[in-house]
Amino acid sequence: MRGFKERGTTTTPFDMVMLNDLDRFHLVMDVIDRVDGLASRAAVLRQRMADARLSARLYTREHGADDPRIAGWAWESSERNERSG
């Protein structure tokens, strides 16, 4: 069960998502941890997600804003995907 964890702090939008364990990195790690047989096959990916999570947290603490690679991220449009596929 996921939900909001109040910690009485002012932070960035993505950092708040991370504080509540709802960020994309944590969700990937959860899948790897919960799907039978996936932990050993996806250990490198899991570590990359843990590293990315830490990097995002450190960036926020140092700059007071979300990392632009996270804040500026968007899904590619389906039109672009159809042309390249």
PDB file of N, CA and C in Angstrom:
ATOM      1  N   MET A   1       0.841  -1.171   0.000  1.00  0.00           N
ATOM      2  CA  MET A   1       0.000   0.000   0.000  1.00  0.00           C
ATOM      3  C   MET A   1       0.883   1.229   0.000  1.00  0.00           C
ATOM      4  N   ARG A   2       0.639   2.115  -0.910  1.00  0.00           N
ATOM      5  CA  ARG A   2       1.390   3.359  -1.002  1.00  0.00           C
ATOM      6  C   ARG A   2       0.502   4.502  -0.545  1.00  0.00           C
ATOM      7  N   GLY A   3       1.123   5.508   0.039  1.00  0.00           N
ATOM      8  CA  GLY A   3       0.358   6.659   0.477  1.00  0.00           C
ATOM      9  C   GLY A   3       1.274   7.801   0.842  1.00  0.00           C
ATOM     10  N   PHE A   4       0.702   8.918   1.196  1.00  0.00           N
ATOM     11  CA  PHE A   4       1.452  10.121   1.530  1.00  0.00           C
ATOM     12  C   PHE A   4       2.040  10.012   2.926  1.00  0.00           C
ATOM     13  N   LYS A   5       3.327  10.323   3.044  1.00  0.00           N
ATOM     14  CA  LYS A   5       4.013  10.324   4.339  1.00  0.00           C
ATOM     15  C   LYS A   5       4.390  11.760   4.679  1.00  0.00           C
ATOM     16  N   GLU A   6       3.683  12.371   5.583  1.00  0.00           N
ATOM     17  CA  GLU A   6       3.970  13.755   5.972  1.00  0.00           C
ATOM     18  C   GLU A   6       5.238  13.803   6.807  1.00  0.00           C
ATOM     19  N   ARG A   7       6.180  14.638   6.380  1.00  0.00           N
ATOM     20  CA  ARG A   7       7.428  14.772   7.118  1.00  0.00           C
ATOM     21  C   ARG A   7       7.692  16.225   7.512  1.00  0.00           C
ATOM     22  N   GLY A   8       6.732  17.094   7.273  1.00  0.00           N
ATOM     23  CA  GLY A   8       6.877  18.482   7.678  1.00  0.00           C
ATOM     24  C   GLY A   8       8.033  19.208   7.019  1.00  0.00           C
ATOM     25  N   THR A   9       8.212  18.997   5.730  1.00  0.00           N
ATOM     26  CA  THR A   9       9.338  19.596   5.038  1.00  0.00           C
ATOM     27  C   THR A   9       8.881  20.265   3.749  1.00  0.00           C
ATOM     28  N   THR A  10       9.659  21.216   3.298  1.00  0.00           N
ATOM     29  CA  THR A  10       9.439  21.828   2.000  1.00  0.00           C
ATOM     30  C   THR A  10      10.498  21.276   1.066  1.00  0.00           C
ATOM     31  N   THR A  11      10.075  20.747  -0.045  1.00  0.00           N
ATOM     32  CA  THR A  11      11.016  20.122  -0.963  1.00  0.00           C
ATOM     33  C   THR A  11      10.495  20.250  -2.386  1.00  0.00           C
ATOM     34  N   THR A  12      11.102  19.548  -3.309  1.00  0.00           N
ATOM     35  CA  THR A  12      10.707  19.611  -4.712  1.00  0.00           C
ATOM     36  C   THR A  12       9.629  18.570  -5.003  1.00  0.00           C
ATOM     37  N   PRO A  13       8.931  18.718  -6.124  1.00  0.00           N
ATOM     38  CA  PRO A  13       7.890  17.738  -6.455  1.00  0.00           C
ATOM     39  C   PRO A  13       8.417  16.300  -6.565  1.00  0.00           C
ATOM     40  N   PHE A  14       9.519  16.108  -7.287  1.00  0.00           N
ATOM     41  CA  PHE A  14      10.019  14.740  -7.440  1.00  0.00           C
ATOM     42  C   PHE A  14      10.571  14.209  -6.129  1.00  0.00           C
ATOM     43  N   ASP A  15      11.196  15.055  -5.344  1.00  0.00           N
ATOM     44  CA  ASP A  15      11.711  14.601  -4.055  1.00  0.00           C
ATOM     45  C   ASP A  15      10.561  14.162  -3.148  1.00  0.00           C
ATOM     46  N   MET A  16       9.437  14.860  -3.201  1.00  0.00           N
ATOM     47  CA  MET A  16       8.281  14.452  -2.404  1.00  0.00           C
ATOM     48  C   MET A  16       7.785  13.080  -2.860  1.00  0.00           C
ATOM     49  N   VAL A  17       7.783  12.854  -4.157  1.00  0.00           N
ATOM     50  CA  VAL A  17       7.403  11.534  -4.677  1.00  0.00           C
ATOM     51  C   VAL A  17       8.383  10.480  -4.162  1.00  0.00           C
ATOM     52  N   MET A  18       9.674  10.811  -4.145  1.00  0.00           N
ATOM     53  CA  MET A  18      10.673   9.862  -3.634  1.00  0.00           C
ATOM     54  C   MET A  18      10.480   9.613  -2.142  1.00  0.00           C
ATOM     55  N   LEU A  19      10.172  10.651  -1.384  1.00  0.00           N
ATOM     56  CA  LEU A  19       9.948  10.478   0.052  1.00  0.00           C
ATOM     57  C   LEU A  19       8.791   9.521   0.332  1.00  0.00           C
ATOM     58  N   ASN A  20       7.859   9.442  -0.604  1.00  0.00           N
ATOM     59  CA  ASN A  20       6.708   8.553  -0.465  1.00  0.00           C
ATOM     60  C   ASN A  20       6.900   7.226  -1.205  1.00  0.00           C
ATOM     61  N   ASP A  21       8.113   6.972  -1.683  1.00  0.00           N
ATOM     62  CA  ASP A  21       8.455   5.722  -2.385  1.00  0.00           C
ATOM     63  C   ASP A  21       7.554   5.454  -3.587  1.00  0.00           C
ATOM     64  N   LEU A  22       7.175   6.517  -4.298  1.00  0.00           N
ATOM     65  CA  LEU A  22       6.336   6.380  -5.482  1.00  0.00           C
ATOM     66  C   LEU A  22       7.069   6.758  -6.762  1.00  0.00           C
ATOM     67  N   ASP A  23       8.354   7.041  -6.668  1.00  0.00           N
ATOM     68  CA  ASP A  23       9.118   7.450  -7.840  1.00  0.00           C
ATOM     69  C   ASP A  23       9.379   6.271  -8.768  1.00  0.00           C
ATOM     70  N   ARG A  24       9.681   6.587 -10.028  1.00  0.00           N
ATOM     71  CA  ARG A  24       9.898   5.560 -11.057  1.00  0.00           C
ATOM     72  C   ARG A  24      11.022   4.609 -10.688  1.00  0.00           C
ATOM     73  N   PHE A  25      12.061   5.116 -10.042  1.00  0.00           N
ATOM     74  CA  PHE A  25      13.198   4.266  -9.686  1.00  0.00           C
ATOM     75  C   PHE A  25      12.795   3.234  -8.630  1.00  0.00           C
ATOM     76  N   HIS A  26      12.083   3.696  -7.610  1.00  0.00           N
ATOM     77  CA  HIS A  26      11.654   2.798  -6.536  1.00  0.00           C
ATOM     78  C   HIS A  26      10.653   1.768  -7.052  1.00  0.00           C
ATOM     79  N   LEU A  27       9.759   2.184  -7.944  1.00  0.00           N
ATOM     80  CA  LEU A  27       8.780   1.247  -8.485  1.00  0.00           C
ATOM     81  C   LEU A  27       9.452   0.142  -9.295  1.00  0.00           C
ATOM     82  N   VAL A  28      10.474   0.486 -10.079  1.00  0.00           N
ATOM     83  CA  VAL A  28      11.229  -0.538 -10.816  1.00  0.00           C
ATOM     84  C   VAL A  28      11.899  -1.491  -9.833  1.00  0.00           C
ATOM     85  N   MET A  29      12.493  -0.938  -8.786  1.00  0.00           N
ATOM     86  CA  MET A  29      13.141  -1.774  -7.777  1.00  0.00           C
ATOM     87  C   MET A  29      12.127  -2.702  -7.105  1.00  0.00           C
ATOM     88  N   ASP A  30      10.929  -2.201  -6.826  1.00  0.00           N
ATOM     89  CA  ASP A  30       9.877  -3.030  -6.231  1.00  0.00           C
ATOM     90  C   ASP A  30       9.513  -4.208  -7.136  1.00  0.00           C
ATOM     91  N   VAL A  31       9.369  -3.939  -8.421  1.00  0.00           N
ATOM     92  CA  VAL A  31       9.042  -5.021  -9.359  1.00  0.00           C
ATOM     93  C   VAL A  31      10.140  -6.071  -9.345  1.00  0.00           C
ATOM     94  N   ILE A  32      11.381  -5.621  -9.425  1.00  0.00           N
ATOM     95  CA  ILE A  32      12.508  -6.559  -9.414  1.00  0.00           C
ATOM     96  C   ILE A  32      12.499  -7.390  -8.139  1.00  0.00           C
ATOM     97  N   ASP A  33      12.213  -6.766  -7.019  1.00  0.00           N
ATOM     98  CA  ASP A  33      12.207  -7.474  -5.735  1.00  0.00           C
ATOM     99  C   ASP A  33      11.037  -8.446  -5.594  1.00  0.00           C
ATOM    100  N   ARG A  34       9.917  -8.160  -6.238  1.00  0.00           N
ATOM    101  CA  ARG A  34       8.700  -8.936  -6.001  1.00  0.00           C
ATOM    102  C   ARG A  34       8.420 -10.029  -7.039  1.00  0.00           C
ATOM    103  N   VAL A  35       8.971  -9.906  -8.234  1.00  0.00           N
ATOM    104  CA  VAL A  35       8.709 -10.911  -9.269  1.00  0.00           C
ATOM    105  C   VAL A  35       9.682 -12.071  -9.087  1.00  0.00           C
ATOM    106  N   ASP A  36       9.124 -13.251  -8.923  1.00  0.00           N
ATOM    107  CA  ASP A  36       9.955 -14.441  -8.712  1.00  0.00           C
ATOM    108  C   ASP A  36      10.995 -14.604  -9.817  1.00  0.00           C
ATOM    109  N   GLY A  37      12.235 -14.817  -9.416  1.00  0.00           N
ATOM    110  CA  GLY A  37      13.317 -15.077 -10.349  1.00  0.00           C
ATOM    111  C   GLY A  37      13.909 -13.854 -11.015  1.00  0.00           C
ATOM    112  N   LEU A  38      13.359 -12.689 -10.759  1.00  0.00           N
ATOM    113  CA  LEU A  38      13.842 -11.487 -11.439  1.00  0.00           C
ATOM    114  C   LEU A  38      15.042 -10.860 -10.740  1.00  0.00           C
ATOM    115  N   ALA A  39      15.154 -11.034  -9.447  1.00  0.00           N
ATOM    116  CA  ALA A  39      16.213 -10.377  -8.673  1.00  0.00           C
ATOM    117  C   ALA A  39      17.601 -10.701  -9.212  1.00  0.00           C
ATOM    118  N   SER A  40      17.867 -11.947  -9.505  1.00  0.00           N
ATOM    119  CA  SER A  40      19.206 -12.312  -9.978  1.00  0.00           C
ATOM    120  C   SER A  40      19.441 -11.852 -11.411  1.00  0.00           C
ATOM    121  N   ARG A  41      18.404 -11.883 -12.238  1.00  0.00           N
ATOM    122  CA  ARG A  41      18.564 -11.473 -13.639  1.00  0.00           C
ATOM    123  C   ARG A  41      18.622  -9.961 -13.811  1.00  0.00           C
ATOM    124  N   ALA A  42      18.056  -9.227 -12.882  1.00  0.00           N
ATOM    125  CA  ALA A  42      17.965  -7.771 -13.029  1.00  0.00           C
ATOM    126  C   ALA A  42      18.758  -7.023 -11.959  1.00  0.00           C
ATOM    127  N   ALA A  43      19.755  -7.669 -11.392  1.00  0.00           N
ATOM    128  CA  ALA A  43      20.538  -7.041 -10.321  1.00  0.00           C
ATOM    129  C   ALA A  43      21.226  -5.762 -10.793  1.00  0.00           C
ATOM    130  N   VAL A  44      21.749  -5.774 -12.012  1.00  0.00           N
ATOM    131  CA  VAL A  44      22.439  -4.585 -12.533  1.00  0.00           C
ATOM    132  C   VAL A  44      21.450  -3.437 -12.716  1.00  0.00           C
ATOM    133  N   LEU A  45      20.286  -3.734 -13.268  1.00  0.00           N
ATOM    134  CA  LEU A  45      19.259  -2.698 -13.436  1.00  0.00           C
ATOM    135  C   LEU A  45      18.811  -2.160 -12.089  1.00  0.00           C
ATOM    136  N   ARG A  46      18.630  -3.048 -11.115  1.00  0.00           N
ATOM    137  CA  ARG A  46      18.210  -2.604  -9.786  1.00  0.00           C
ATOM    138  C   ARG A  46      19.235  -1.650  -9.191  1.00  0.00           C
ATOM    139  N   GLN A  47      20.513  -1.961  -9.343  1.00  0.00           N
ATOM    140  CA  GLN A  47      21.558  -1.081  -8.820  1.00  0.00           C
ATOM    141  C   GLN A  47      21.561   0.257  -9.549  1.00  0.00           C
ATOM    142  N   ARG A  48      21.331   0.239 -10.863  1.00  0.00           N
ATOM    143  CA  ARG A  48      21.239   1.494 -11.626  1.00  0.00           C
ATOM    144  C   ARG A  48      20.095   2.361 -11.104  1.00  0.00           C
ATOM    145  N   MET A  49      18.981   1.743 -10.765  1.00  0.00           N
ATOM    146  CA  MET A  49      17.835   2.487 -10.229  1.00  0.00           C
ATOM    147  C   MET A  49      18.156   3.064  -8.848  1.00  0.00           C
ATOM    148  N   ALA A  50      18.825   2.286  -8.013  1.00  0.00           N
ATOM    149  CA  ALA A  50      19.218   2.779  -6.686  1.00  0.00           C
ATOM    150  C   ALA A  50      20.192   3.944  -6.820  1.00  0.00           C
ATOM    151  N   ASP A  51      21.132   3.824  -7.754  1.00  0.00           N
ATOM    152  CA  ASP A  51      22.100   4.902  -7.986  1.00  0.00           C
ATOM    153  C   ASP A  51      21.415   6.156  -8.524  1.00  0.00           C
ATOM    154  N   ALA A  52      20.473   5.977  -9.445  1.00  0.00           N
ATOM    155  CA  ALA A  52      19.746   7.121 -10.013  1.00  0.00           C
ATOM    156  C   ALA A  52      18.923   7.819  -8.939  1.00  0.00           C
ATOM    157  N   ARG A  53      18.340   7.042  -8.061  1.00  0.00           N
ATOM    158  CA  ARG A  53      17.541   7.592  -6.957  1.00  0.00           C
ATOM    159  C   ARG A  53      18.417   8.433  -6.027  1.00  0.00           C
ATOM    160  N   LEU A  54      19.567   7.902  -5.683  1.00  0.00           N
ATOM    161  CA  LEU A  54      20.500   8.630  -4.827  1.00  0.00           C
ATOM    162  C   LEU A  54      20.992   9.897  -5.519  1.00  0.00           C
ATOM    163  N   SER A  55      21.311   9.794  -6.795  1.00  0.00           N
ATOM    164  CA  SER A  55      21.771  10.955  -7.556  1.00  0.00           C
ATOM    165  C   SER A  55      20.709  12.057  -7.574  1.00  0.00           C
ATOM    166  N   ALA A  56      19.460  11.672  -7.778  1.00  0.00           N
ATOM    167  CA  ALA A  56      18.367  12.655  -7.785  1.00  0.00           C
ATOM    168  C   ALA A  56      18.228  13.326  -6.426  1.00  0.00           C
ATOM    169  N   ARG A  57      18.330  12.539  -5.370  1.00  0.00           N
ATOM    170  CA  ARG A  57      18.219  13.087  -4.014  1.00  0.00           C
ATOM    171  C   ARG A  57      19.366  14.062  -3.742  1.00  0.00           C
ATOM    172  N   LEU A  58      20.595  13.687  -4.104  1.00  0.00           N
ATOM    173  CA  LEU A  58      21.751  14.554  -3.875  1.00  0.00           C
ATOM    174  C   LEU A  58      21.646  15.845  -4.683  1.00  0.00           C
ATOM    175  N   TYR A  59      21.173  15.758  -5.920  1.00  0.00           N
ATOM    176  CA  TYR A  59      21.004  16.948  -6.752  1.00  0.00           C
ATOM    177  C   TYR A  59      20.024  17.913  -6.087  1.00  0.00           C
ATOM    178  N   THR A  60      18.918  17.383  -5.610  1.00  0.00           N
ATOM    179  CA  THR A  60      17.911  18.222  -4.957  1.00  0.00           C
ATOM    180  C   THR A  60      18.470  18.900  -3.718  1.00  0.00           C
ATOM    181  N   ARG A  61      19.216  18.152  -2.925  1.00  0.00           N
ATOM    182  CA  ARG A  61      19.792  18.731  -1.702  1.00  0.00           C
ATOM    183  C   ARG A  61      20.809  19.825  -2.034  1.00  0.00           C
ATOM    184  N   GLU A  62      21.570  19.633  -3.104  1.00  0.00           N
ATOM    185  CA  GLU A  62      22.605  20.604  -3.460  1.00  0.00           C
ATOM    186  C   GLU A  62      22.039  21.833  -4.161  1.00  0.00           C
ATOM    187  N   HIS A  63      21.042  21.647  -5.035  1.00  0.00           N
ATOM    188  CA  HIS A  63      20.554  22.740  -5.880  1.00  0.00           C
ATOM    189  C   HIS A  63      19.183  23.283  -5.480  1.00  0.00           C
ATOM    190  N   GLY A  64      18.479  22.577  -4.609  1.00  0.00           N
ATOM    191  CA  GLY A  64      17.154  23.037  -4.201  1.00  0.00           C
ATOM    192  C   GLY A  64      16.101  22.925  -5.282  1.00  0.00           C
ATOM    193  N   ALA A  65      16.381  22.134  -6.295  1.00  0.00           N
ATOM    194  CA  ALA A  65      15.451  21.916  -7.411  1.00  0.00           C
ATOM    195  C   ALA A  65      15.636  20.495  -7.916  1.00  0.00           C
ATOM    196  N   ASP A  66      14.637  20.013  -8.650  1.00  0.00           N
ATOM    197  CA  ASP A  66      14.774  18.692  -9.246  1.00  0.00           C
ATOM    198  C   ASP A  66      15.800  18.729 -10.374  1.00  0.00           C
ATOM    199  N   ASP A  67      16.499  17.631 -10.552  1.00  0.00           N
ATOM    200  CA  ASP A  67      17.448  17.475 -11.653  1.00  0.00           C
ATOM    201  C   ASP A  67      16.701  17.730 -12.966  1.00  0.00           C
ATOM    202  N   PRO A  68      17.229  18.576 -13.850  1.00  0.00           N
ATOM    203  CA  PRO A  68      16.544  18.869 -15.112  1.00  0.00           C
ATOM    204  C   PRO A  68      16.260  17.624 -15.952  1.00  0.00           C
ATOM    205  N   ARG A  69      17.094  16.592 -15.812  1.00  0.00           N
ATOM    206  CA  ARG A  69      16.845  15.352 -16.560  1.00  0.00           C
ATOM    207  C   ARG A  69      15.569  14.672 -16.079  1.00  0.00           C
ATOM    208  N   ILE A  70      15.181  14.955 -14.844  1.00  0.00           N
ATOM    209  CA  ILE A  70      13.944  14.395 -14.294  1.00  0.00           C
ATOM    210  C   ILE A  70      12.794  15.369 -14.508  1.00  0.00           C
ATOM    211  N   ALA A  71      13.006  16.629 -14.145  1.00  0.00           N
ATOM    212  CA  ALA A  71      11.940  17.633 -14.253  1.00  0.00           C
ATOM    213  C   ALA A  71      11.514  17.851 -15.704  1.00  0.00           C
ATOM    214  N   GLY A  72      12.441  17.717 -16.639  1.00  0.00           N
ATOM    215  CA  GLY A  72      12.134  17.963 -18.044  1.00  0.00           C
ATOM    216  C   GLY A  72      11.768  16.723 -18.831  1.00  0.00           C
ATOM    217  N   TRP A  73      11.682  15.579 -18.160  1.00  0.00           N
ATOM    218  CA  TRP A  73      11.399  14.325 -18.847  1.00  0.00           C
ATOM    219  C   TRP A  73       9.947  14.267 -19.291  1.00  0.00           C
ATOM    220  N   ALA A  74       9.717  13.705 -20.472  1.00  0.00           N
ATOM    221  CA  ALA A  74       8.351  13.522 -20.970  1.00  0.00           C
ATOM    222  C   ALA A  74       8.313  12.285 -21.860  1.00  0.00           C
ATOM    223  N   TRP A  75       7.142  11.661 -21.927  1.00  0.00           N
ATOM    224  CA  TRP A  75       6.948  10.549 -22.849  1.00  0.00           C
ATOM    225  C   TRP A  75       7.120  11.061 -24.267  1.00  0.00           C
ATOM    226  N   GLU A  76       7.708  10.238 -25.117  1.00  0.00           N
ATOM    227  CA  GLU A  76       7.753  10.595 -26.530  1.00  0.00           C
ATOM    228  C   GLU A  76       6.333  10.509 -27.072  1.00  0.00           C
ATOM    229  N   SER A  77       6.029  11.345 -28.053  1.00  0.00           N
ATOM    230  CA  SER A  77       4.688  11.296 -28.624  1.00  0.00           C
ATOM    231  C   SER A  77       4.507   9.999 -29.399  1.00  0.00           C
ATOM    232  N   SER A  78       3.282   9.515 -29.473  1.00  0.00           N
ATOM    233  CA  SER A  78       3.017   8.273 -30.200  1.00  0.00           C
ATOM    234  C   SER A  78       3.286   8.451 -31.686  1.00  0.00           C
ATOM    235  N   GLU A  79       3.111   9.667 -32.214  1.00  0.00           N
ATOM    236  CA  GLU A  79       3.394   9.930 -33.620  1.00  0.00           C
ATOM    237  C   GLU A  79       4.866   9.687 -33.914  1.00  0.00           C
ATOM    238  N   ARG A  80       5.726  10.145 -33.053  1.00  0.00           N
ATOM    239  CA  ARG A  80       7.162   9.950 -33.238  1.00  0.00           C
ATOM    240  C   ARG A  80       7.507   8.463 -33.146  1.00  0.00           C
ATOM    241  N   ASN A  81       6.911   7.760 -32.203  1.00  0.00           N
ATOM    242  CA  ASN A  81       7.163   6.327 -32.056  1.00  0.00           C
ATOM    243  C   ASN A  81       6.703   5.551 -33.281  1.00  0.00           C
ATOM    244  N   GLU A  82       5.558   5.934 -33.861  1.00  0.00           N
ATOM    245  CA  GLU A  82       5.047   5.241 -35.042  1.00  0.00           C
ATOM    246  C   GLU A  82       5.964   5.439 -36.238  1.00  0.00           C
ATOM    247  N   ARG A  83       6.535   6.640 -36.377  1.00  0.00           N
ATOM    248  CA  ARG A  83       7.444   6.902 -37.495  1.00  0.00           C
ATOM    249  C   ARG A  83       8.746   6.138 -37.359  1.00  0.00           C
ATOM    250  N   SER A  84       9.231   5.956 -36.127  1.00  0.00           N
ATOM    251  CA  SER A  84      10.523   5.295 -35.931  1.00  0.00           C
ATOM    252  C   SER A  84      10.383   3.779 -35.864  1.00  0.00           C
ATOM    253  N   GLY A  85       9.172   3.273 -35.681  1.00  0.00           N
ATOM    254  CA  GLY A  85       8.963   1.846 -35.482  1.00  0.00           C
ATOM    255  C   GLY A  85       8.651   1.130 -36.722  1.00  0.00           C
TER     256      GLY A  85
END
